[in-house]
C-alpha atoms as a PDB file:
ATOM      1  CA  MET A   1      23.562  10.621   6.187  1.00  0.00           C
ATOM      2  CA  ALA A   2      19.796  10.094   5.173  1.00  0.00           C
ATOM      3  CA  THR A   3      17.547  12.259   3.588  1.00  0.00           C
ATOM      4  CA  SER A   4      15.257  13.757   6.239  1.00  0.00           C
ATOM      5  CA  VAL A   5      11.451  14.348   5.686  1.00  0.00           C
ATOM      6  CA  GLU A   6       9.124  16.031   7.543  1.00  0.00           C
ATOM      7  CA  ILE A   7       5.578  15.601   7.350  1.00  0.00           C
ATOM      8  CA  VAL A   8       3.005  18.492   8.629  1.00  0.00           C
ATOM      9  CA  ILE A   9      -0.463  17.565   9.721  1.00  0.00           C
ATOM     10  CA  PRO A  10      -2.392  20.880   9.977  1.00  0.00           C
ATOM     11  CA  VAL A  11      -5.267  20.723  12.524  1.00  0.00           C
ATOM     12  CA  LEU A  12      -7.875  22.592  13.404  1.00  0.00           C
ATOM     13  CA  ASN A  13     -10.190  21.024  16.466  1.00  0.00           C
ATOM     14  CA  GLU A  14      -9.280  17.465  15.593  1.00  0.00           C
ATOM     15  CA  GLU A  15      -9.262  15.792  18.890  1.00  0.00           C
ATOM     16  CA  ARG A  16     -11.258  12.924  17.575  1.00  0.00           C
ATOM     17  CA  ALA A  17      -9.382  12.102  14.194  1.00  0.00           C
ATOM     18  CA  LEU A  18      -6.024  13.011  15.399  1.00  0.00           C
ATOM     19  CA  PRO A  19      -5.106   9.591  17.257  1.00  0.00           C
ATOM     20  CA  SER A  20      -6.015   7.492  14.613  1.00  0.00           C
ATOM     21  CA  SER A  21      -4.499   9.391  11.917  1.00  0.00           C
ATOM     22  CA  VAL A  22      -1.288   9.564  13.698  1.00  0.00           C
ATOM     23  CA  LYS A  23      -1.284   5.899  14.633  1.00  0.00           C
ATOM     24  CA  VAL A  24      -2.016   5.140  10.801  1.00  0.00           C
ATOM     25  CA  LEU A  25       0.650   7.501   9.678  1.00  0.00           C
ATOM     26  CA  HIS A  26       3.357   6.543  11.882  1.00  0.00           C
ATOM     27  CA  SER A  27       2.884   2.765  11.355  1.00  0.00           C
ATOM     28  CA  PHE A  28       2.859   3.593   7.371  1.00  0.00           C
ATOM     29  CA  LEU A  29       5.828   5.717   7.584  1.00  0.00           C
ATOM     30  CA  SER A  30       8.098   3.211   9.621  1.00  0.00           C
ATOM     31  CA  GLU A  31       7.417   0.254   7.096  1.00  0.00           C
ATOM     32  CA  ARG A  32       7.613   2.459   3.993  1.00  0.00           C
ATOM     33  CA  LEU A  33       9.900   5.185   4.628  1.00  0.00           C
ATOM     34  CA  SER A  34      12.130   3.641   6.763  1.00  0.00           C
ATOM     35  CA  THR A  35      15.229   4.650   4.694  1.00  0.00           C
ATOM     36  CA  TYR A  36      14.635   8.195   5.442  1.00  0.00           C
ATOM     37  CA  ASP A  37      14.796  10.303   8.631  1.00  0.00           C
ATOM     38  CA  TRP A  38      11.419  11.117   8.986  1.00  0.00           C
ATOM     39  CA  ARG A  39       9.255  13.009  11.548  1.00  0.00           C
ATOM     40  CA  ILE A  40       5.448  14.053  11.903  1.00  0.00           C
ATOM     41  CA  VAL A  41       4.644  17.403  12.938  1.00  0.00           C
ATOM     42  CA  ILE A  42       1.470  18.421  14.095  1.00  0.00           C
ATOM     43  CA  ALA A  43       0.565  22.053  13.574  1.00  0.00           C
ATOM     44  CA  ASP A  44      -2.091  23.084  15.749  1.00  0.00           C
ATOM     45  CA  ASN A  45      -3.881  26.459  14.549  1.00  0.00           C
ATOM     46  CA  GLY A  46      -5.825  27.852  17.028  1.00  0.00           C
ATOM     47  CA  SER A  47      -7.915  24.676  18.439  1.00  0.00           C
ATOM     48  CA  ASN A  48      -9.818  25.269  21.447  1.00  0.00           C
ATOM     49  CA  ASP A  49     -10.954  21.602  22.202  1.00  0.00           C
ATOM     50  CA  SER A  50      -8.650  19.002  23.640  1.00  0.00           C
ATOM     51  CA  THR A  51      -6.286  18.810  20.540  1.00  0.00           C
ATOM     52  CA  PRO A  52      -3.449  19.896  22.219  1.00  0.00           C
ATOM     53  CA  GLN A  53      -3.787  17.345  25.047  1.00  0.00           C
ATOM     54  CA  VAL A  54      -4.351  14.677  22.538  1.00  0.00           C
ATOM     55  CA  SER A  55      -0.963  15.813  21.179  1.00  0.00           C
ATOM     56  CA  ALA A  56       0.701  15.635  24.119  1.00  0.00           C
ATOM     57  CA  HIS A  57      -0.483  12.006  24.685  1.00  0.00           C
ATOM     58  CA  LEU A  58       0.611  11.415  20.798  1.00  0.00           C
ATOM     59  CA  ILE A  59       3.906  12.706  21.484  1.00  0.00           C
ATOM     60  CA  GLU A  60       4.603  10.573  24.325  1.00  0.00           C
ATOM     61  CA  ASN A  61       3.579   7.379  22.823  1.00  0.00           C
ATOM     62  CA  TYR A  62       5.346   8.183  19.489  1.00  0.00           C
ATOM     63  CA  HIS A  63       8.773   9.314  19.400  1.00  0.00           C
ATOM     64  CA  ARG A  64       8.850  10.780  16.003  1.00  0.00           C
ATOM     65  CA  VAL A  65       6.308  12.754  16.613  1.00  0.00           C
ATOM     66  CA  ARG A  66       6.558  16.554  17.422  1.00  0.00           C
ATOM     67  CA  TYR A  67       3.641  19.530  18.095  1.00  0.00           C
ATOM     68  CA  THR A  68       3.846  23.126  17.551  1.00  0.00           C
ATOM     69  CA  ARG A  69       0.724  25.906  17.585  1.00  0.00           C
ATOM     70  CA  LEU A  70      -0.275  29.099  16.419  1.00  0.00           C
ATOM     71  CA  GLU A  71      -3.007  31.060  18.148  1.00  0.00           C
ATOM     72  CA  LYS A  72      -4.019  32.542  14.523  1.00  0.00           C
ATOM     73  CA  ARG A  73      -6.196  30.058  12.322  1.00  0.00           C
ATOM     74  CA  GLY A  74      -5.170  29.517   8.677  1.00  0.00           C
ATOM     75  CA  ARG A  75      -3.996  26.185   7.406  1.00  0.00           C
ATOM     76  CA  GLY A  76      -1.538  28.061   4.987  1.00  0.00           C
ATOM     77  CA  ARG A  77      -0.515  30.023   7.824  1.00  0.00           C
ATOM     78  CA  ALA A  78       0.403  26.764  10.111  1.00  0.00           C
ATOM     79  CA  LEU A  79       2.376  25.347   6.602  1.00  0.00           C
ATOM     80  CA  SER A  80       4.077  28.435   6.351  1.00  0.00           C
ATOM     81  CA  LYS A  81       5.263  29.026   9.755  1.00  0.00           C
ATOM     82  CA  THR A  82       6.084  25.025  10.228  1.00  0.00           C
ATOM     83  CA  TRP A  83       7.907  24.706   6.897  1.00  0.00           C
ATOM     84  CA  MET A  84       9.739  28.121   7.430  1.00  0.00           C
ATOM     85  CA  GLU A  85      11.183  26.622  10.659  1.00  0.00           C
ATOM     86  CA  SER A  86      11.847  23.007   9.406  1.00  0.00           C
ATOM     87  CA  GLU A  87      15.255  21.746   8.897  1.00  0.00           C
ATOM     88  CA  ALA A  88      14.468  18.855   6.912  1.00  0.00           C
ATOM     89  CA  ASP A  89      15.825  18.216   3.481  1.00  0.00           C
ATOM     90  CA  ILE A  90      12.260  17.645   2.285  1.00  0.00           C
ATOM     91  CA  VAL A  91       8.913  19.052   3.782  1.00  0.00           C
ATOM     92  CA  ALA A  92       5.775  17.663   3.146  1.00  0.00           C
ATOM     93  CA  TYR A  93       1.895  18.011   4.646  1.00  0.00           C
ATOM     94  CA  MET A  94      -1.118  15.872   4.394  1.00  0.00           C
ATOM     95  CA  ASP A  95      -4.773  16.312   5.365  1.00  0.00           C
ATOM     96  CA  VAL A  96      -5.444  14.790   8.960  1.00  0.00           C
ATOM     97  CA  ASP A  97      -8.449  12.593   7.241  1.00  0.00           C
ATOM     98  CA  LEU A  98      -6.082  10.830   5.261  1.00  0.00           C
ATOM     99  CA  SER A  99      -8.315  11.037   2.591  1.00  0.00           C
ATOM    100  CA  THR A 100      -5.097  10.783   0.042  1.00  0.00           C
ATOM    101  CA  ASN A 101      -4.121   6.777  -0.154  1.00  0.00           C
ATOM    102  CA  LEU A 102      -0.935   6.785   1.571  1.00  0.00           C
ATOM    103  CA  ASN A 103       0.884   4.459  -0.754  1.00  0.00           C
ATOM    104  CA  ALA A 104       1.264   7.607  -3.074  1.00  0.00           C
ATOM    105  CA  PHE A 105       3.373   9.428  -0.164  1.00  0.00           C
ATOM    106  CA  PRO A 106       6.876   7.647  -1.236  1.00  0.00           C
ATOM    107  CA  LYS A 107       6.318   8.767  -4.571  1.00  0.00           C
ATOM    108  CA  LEU A 108       6.320  12.071  -3.827  1.00  0.00           C
ATOM    109  CA  VAL A 109       9.482  11.785  -1.579  1.00  0.00           C
ATOM    110  CA  ASN A 110      11.184   9.724  -4.142  1.00  0.00           C
ATOM    111  CA  SER A 111      10.415  12.568  -6.852  1.00  0.00           C
ATOM    112  CA  ILE A 112      12.248  15.061  -5.218  1.00  0.00           C
ATOM    113  CA  ASP A 113      14.990  13.070  -3.402  1.00  0.00           C
ATOM    114  CA  ARG A 114      15.618  10.887  -6.353  1.00  0.00           C
ATOM    115  CA  GLU A 115      14.416  12.552  -9.371  1.00  0.00           C
ATOM    116  CA  GLY A 116      15.104  16.197  -8.828  1.00  0.00           C
ATOM    117  CA  TYR A 117      11.963  18.148  -8.643  1.00  0.00           C
ATOM    118  CA  ASP A 118      11.215  20.856  -6.576  1.00  0.00           C
ATOM    119  CA  ILE A 119       7.917  20.214  -5.605  1.00  0.00           C
ATOM    120  CA  ALA A 120       5.423  16.933  -6.027  1.00  0.00           C
ATOM    121  CA  ILE A 121       1.882  17.239  -5.548  1.00  0.00           C
ATOM    122  CA  GLY A 122      -1.035  14.369  -5.400  1.00  0.00           C
ATOM    123  CA  SER A 123      -3.612  14.922  -7.836  1.00  0.00           C
ATOM    124  CA  ARG A 124      -7.108  13.732  -7.872  1.00  0.00           C
ATOM    125  CA  LEU A 125      -7.524  15.103 -11.911  1.00  0.00           C
ATOM    126  CA  ILE A 126      -5.348  13.294 -14.112  1.00  0.00           C
ATOM    127  CA  ARG A 127      -5.092   9.853 -15.642  1.00  0.00           C
ATOM    128  CA  GLY A 128      -4.530   7.382 -13.141  1.00  0.00           C
ATOM    129  CA  SER A 129      -6.047   9.039  -9.919  1.00  0.00           C
ATOM    130  CA  THR A 130      -9.288   7.400  -8.467  1.00  0.00           C
ATOM    131  CA  VAL A 131     -11.812   9.419  -6.642  1.00  0.00           C
ATOM    132  CA  ILE A 132     -14.133   7.469  -4.297  1.00  0.00           C
ATOM    133  CA  GLY A 133     -17.380   8.663  -2.888  1.00  0.00           C
ATOM    134  CA  ARG A 134     -17.092  12.511  -3.866  1.00  0.00           C
ATOM    135  CA  PRO A 135     -20.484  14.311  -4.243  1.00  0.00           C
ATOM    136  CA  PRO A 136     -20.739  15.331  -7.824  1.00  0.00           C
ATOM    137  CA  HIS A 137     -20.946  19.021  -7.145  1.00  0.00           C
ATOM    138  CA  ARG A 138     -17.831  19.187  -5.259  1.00  0.00           C
ATOM    139  CA  GLU A 139     -16.230  17.402  -8.273  1.00  0.00           C
ATOM    140  CA  PHE A 140     -17.770  19.471 -10.803  1.00  0.00           C
ATOM    141  CA  ILE A 141     -16.626  22.855  -8.584  1.00  0.00           C
ATOM    142  CA  SER A 142     -13.294  21.096  -8.279  1.00  0.00           C
ATOM    143  CA  ARG A 143     -12.973  20.670 -12.413  1.00  0.00           C
ATOM    144  CA  ILE A 144     -14.145  24.091 -13.336  1.00  0.00           C
ATOM    145  CA  TYR A 145     -11.752  25.684 -10.228  1.00  0.00           C
ATOM    146  CA  SER A 146      -8.963  23.747 -12.193  1.00  0.00           C
ATOM    147  CA  LEU A 147      -9.846  24.956 -15.733  1.00  0.00           C
ATOM    148  CA  ILE A 148     -10.028  28.807 -14.463  1.00  0.00           C
ATOM    149  CA  PHE A 149      -6.652  28.611 -13.086  1.00  0.00           C
ATOM    150  CA  ARG A 150      -4.965  27.016 -15.999  1.00  0.00           C
ATOM    151  CA  SER A 151      -6.770  29.245 -18.506  1.00  0.00           C
ATOM    152  CA  MET A 152      -5.437  32.199 -16.315  1.00  0.00           C
ATOM    153  CA  PHE A 153      -2.140  31.166 -16.195  1.00  0.00           C
ATOM    154  CA  PHE A 154      -1.382  28.261 -18.578  1.00  0.00           C
ATOM    155  CA  THR A 155       0.160  26.110 -15.633  1.00  0.00           C
ATOM    156  CA  GLY A 156       0.588  22.341 -16.374  1.00  0.00           C
ATOM    157  CA  PHE A 157      -0.331  21.232 -13.330  1.00  0.00           C
ATOM    158  CA  HIS A 158      -4.124  20.220 -12.741  1.00  0.00           C
ATOM    159  CA  ASP A 159      -4.815  19.773  -9.171  1.00  0.00           C
ATOM    160  CA  ALA A 160      -3.866  22.439  -6.770  1.00  0.00           C
ATOM    161  CA  GLN A 161      -6.351  21.911  -3.860  1.00  0.00           C
ATOM    162  CA  CYS A 162      -5.415  18.166  -3.027  1.00  0.00           C
ATOM    163  CA  GLY A 163      -3.798  18.230   0.474  1.00  0.00           C
ATOM    164  CA  PHE A 164      -1.225  16.121  -0.510  1.00  0.00           C
ATOM    165  CA  LYS A 165       2.276  17.933  -1.167  1.00  0.00           C
ATOM    166  CA  ALA A 166       6.240  17.833  -0.833  1.00  0.00           C
ATOM    167  CA  ILE A 167       8.552  20.703  -1.230  1.00  0.00           C
ATOM    168  CA  THR A 168      12.373  21.051  -0.826  1.00  0.00           C
ATOM    169  CA  ARG A 169      13.212  23.104   1.940  1.00  0.00           C
ATOM    170  CA  GLN A 170      15.280  25.433  -0.301  1.00  0.00           C
ATOM    171  CA  ALA A 171      12.146  26.284  -2.542  1.00  0.00           C
ATOM    172  CA  ALA A 172      10.257  26.568   0.637  1.00  0.00           C
ATOM    173  CA  GLN A 173      12.348  28.991   2.254  1.00  0.00           C
ATOM    174  CA  LEU A 174      12.509  31.065  -0.963  1.00  0.00           C
ATOM    175  CA  LEU A 175       9.090  31.114  -2.023  1.00  0.00           C
ATOM    176  CA  LEU A 176       7.078  31.061   1.138  1.00  0.00           C
ATOM    177  CA  PRO A 177       8.149  34.611   2.455  1.00  0.00           C
ATOM    178  CA  LEU A 178       6.040  36.133  -0.966  1.00  0.00           C
ATOM    179  CA  ILE A 179       2.897  33.897  -0.451  1.00  0.00           C
ATOM    180  CA  GLN A 180       0.189  36.225   0.903  1.00  0.00           C
ATOM    181  CA  ASP A 181      -2.736  33.950   1.396  1.00  0.00           C
ATOM    182  CA  THR A 182      -2.819  32.294   4.826  1.00  0.00           C
ATOM    183  CA  GLY A 183      -5.945  29.879   4.376  1.00  0.00           C
ATOM    184  CA  TRP A 184      -6.938  27.734   1.766  1.00  0.00           C
ATOM    185  CA  PHE A 185      -5.669  29.394  -1.371  1.00  0.00           C
ATOM    186  CA  PHE A 186      -1.971  29.061   0.160  1.00  0.00           C
ATOM    187  CA  ASP A 187      -1.624  25.795  -2.125  1.00  0.00           C
ATOM    188  CA  SER A 188      -2.579  27.308  -5.378  1.00  0.00           C
ATOM    189  CA  GLU A 189      -0.278  30.855  -4.973  1.00  0.00           C
ATOM    190  CA  LEU A 190       2.479  28.355  -4.085  1.00  0.00           C
ATOM    191  CA  LEU A 191       2.282  26.251  -7.261  1.00  0.00           C
ATOM    192  CA  ILE A 192       1.430  29.073  -9.608  1.00  0.00           C
ATOM    193  CA  LEU A 193       4.245  31.250  -8.354  1.00  0.00           C
ATOM    194  CA  SER A 194       6.739  28.143  -8.293  1.00  0.00           C
ATOM    195  CA  GLU A 195       5.674  27.140 -11.881  1.00  0.00           C
ATOM    196  CA  LYS A 196       6.084  30.625 -13.029  1.00  0.00           C
ATOM    197  CA  ASN A 197       9.377  31.254 -11.725  1.00  0.00           C
ATOM    198  CA  LYS A 198      10.533  27.528 -13.393  1.00  0.00           C
ATOM    199  CA  TYR A 199      10.555  25.358 -10.563  1.00  0.00           C
ATOM    200  CA  ARG A 200      10.105  22.123 -11.550  1.00  0.00           C
ATOM    201  CA  ILE A 201       6.449  20.429 -10.046  1.00  0.00           C
ATOM    202  CA  VAL A 202       5.754  16.857 -10.609  1.00  0.00           C
ATOM    203  CA  GLU A 203       1.481  15.922 -10.348  1.00  0.00           C
ATOM    204  CA  ILE A 204       1.343  12.475  -9.208  1.00  0.00           C
ATOM    205  CA  PRO A 205      -2.106  10.576  -9.692  1.00  0.00           C
ATOM    206  CA  VAL A 206      -3.591   9.339  -6.264  1.00  0.00           C
ATOM    207  CA  THR A 207      -6.364   7.652  -4.926  1.00  0.00           C
ATOM    208  CA  TRP A 208      -8.884   9.943  -2.847  1.00  0.00           C
ATOM    209  CA  ALA A 209     -11.726   9.104  -0.604  1.00  0.00           C
ATOM    210  CA  ASP A 210     -14.151  11.578   0.298  1.00  0.00           C
ATOM    211  CA  ASP A 211     -14.610  12.419   3.929  1.00  0.00           C
ATOM    212  CA  PRO A 212     -18.139  13.051   4.891  1.00  0.00           C
ATOM    213  CA  ASP A 213     -16.903  15.054   7.530  1.00  0.00           C
ATOM    214  CA  SER A 214     -15.156  17.890   5.790  1.00  0.00           C
ATOM    215  CA  ARG A 215     -14.726  21.284   7.306  1.00  0.00           C
ATOM    216  CA  VAL A 216     -14.410  23.073   3.810  1.00  0.00           C
ATOM    217  CA  ARG A 217     -16.915  25.372   3.401  1.00  0.00           C
ATOM    218  CA  ILE A 218     -17.351  25.375  -0.437  1.00  0.00           C
ATOM    219  CA  ILE A 219     -18.915  28.697  -1.400  1.00  0.00           C
ATOM    220  CA  SER A 220     -16.736  30.836   0.934  1.00  0.00           C
ATOM    221  CA  THR A 221     -13.386  28.951  -0.262  1.00  0.00           C
ATOM    222  CA  ALA A 222     -14.481  29.029  -3.818  1.00  0.00           C
ATOM    223  CA  TYR A 223     -14.629  33.005  -3.424  1.00  0.00           C
ATOM    224  CA  GLY A 224     -11.456  33.481  -1.840  1.00  0.00           C
ATOM    225  CA  ASP A 225      -9.635  31.341  -4.455  1.00  0.00           C
ATOM    226  CA  LEU A 226     -11.239  33.393  -7.296  1.00  0.00           C
ATOM    227  CA  LYS A 227     -10.149  36.620  -5.372  1.00  0.00           C
ATOM    228  CA  GLY A 228      -6.713  35.184  -5.069  1.00  0.00           C
ATOM    229  CA  LEU A 229      -6.471  34.497  -8.624  1.00  0.00           C
ATOM    230  CA  LEU A 230      -7.500  37.714  -9.601  1.00  0.00           C
ATOM    231  CA  ARG A 231      -4.768  39.395  -7.097  1.00  0.00           C
ATOM    232  CA  LEU A 232      -2.039  37.009  -8.853  1.00  0.00           C
ATOM    233  CA  ARG A 233      -3.075  37.983 -12.371  1.00  0.00           C
ATOM    234  CA  PHE A 234      -3.554  41.539 -11.712  1.00  0.00           C
ATOM    235  CA  GLY A 235      -0.232  42.571 -10.309  1.00  0.00           C
ATOM    236  CA  GLY A 236       0.497  40.044  -7.485  1.00  0.00           C
ATOM    237  CA  LEU A 237       2.622  37.323  -9.632  1.00  0.00           C
ATOM    238  CA  ARG A 238       4.591  39.915 -11.243  1.00  0.00           C
ATOM    239  CA  ARG A 239       5.795  41.474  -8.134  1.00  0.00           C
ATOM    240  CA  ALA A 240       6.570  38.228  -6.528  1.00  0.00           C
ATOM    241  CA  SER A 241       8.516  36.953  -9.463  1.00  0.00           C
ATOM    242  CA  ARG A 242      10.443  40.288  -9.786  1.00  0.00           C
ATOM    243  CA  ILE A 243      11.407  39.922  -5.947  1.00  0.00           C
ATOM    244  CA  LEU A 244      12.700  36.451  -6.791  1.00  0.00           C
ATOM    245  CA  SER A 245      14.454  37.723  -9.838  1.00  0.00           C
ATOM    246  CA  GLU A 246      16.098  40.552  -7.833  1.00  0.00           C
ATOM    247  CA  ARG A 247      17.173  38.491  -5.219  1.00  0.00           C
ATOM    248  CA  GLY A 248      19.070  36.188  -7.836  1.00  0.00           C
ATOM    249  CA  HIS A 249      16.814  32.946  -6.381  1.00  0.00           C
ATOM    250  CA  CYS A 250      14.866  32.009  -9.813  1.00  0.00           C
ATOM    251  CA  ASN A 251      15.780  28.482 -10.967  1.00  0.00           C
END
């Protein structure tokens, strides 16, 4: 039986970007991930535009596309709910703008399926990666954030925020209930908790093109990230790790 892979696209008011993104992704997966049993899940977290209607149309046209909706917003909340409900062997996600070149996606899947990693992440901050059109101030903030969390937690990975990740269902089922953040810090919390509990993470260089229509608010996101790091540093990580240990679920 083929390994199953579920790719989640978290969306909030993405009626314009969604049709072309799903078309491109579906075509790519049909050609490059044909040996896997894959499907795409649109995870709508509180859209109030025509995203639900657009998604319904996409489901009619692409038999491997599914749709789920949450009334509460938050990318982390959407990913956690969708991954926890998944029955796929490997769960993944990518941003709807497809800023990360899809050629790296089979590498994520193969790293888990064939090389035994628990988590595979795309990275814009390691050798071999290419970043196109990113404003200098965003690049600076991204690298400073990387320096901060690596200094605080001595992690081996560099880029926690790239929207291009995959994880085994088994690891997701154990780790996700312990993650408190429901927004943008979700990724960082997942990775820090995973590495500190000896889950194997591989970081893969990607080609990444900046989306000028990005919805990320730099100041509020940075503030939330710093609050999250401090929460983990002063007790949060220790408590989560203790729960994993008590349950006998550490790798």
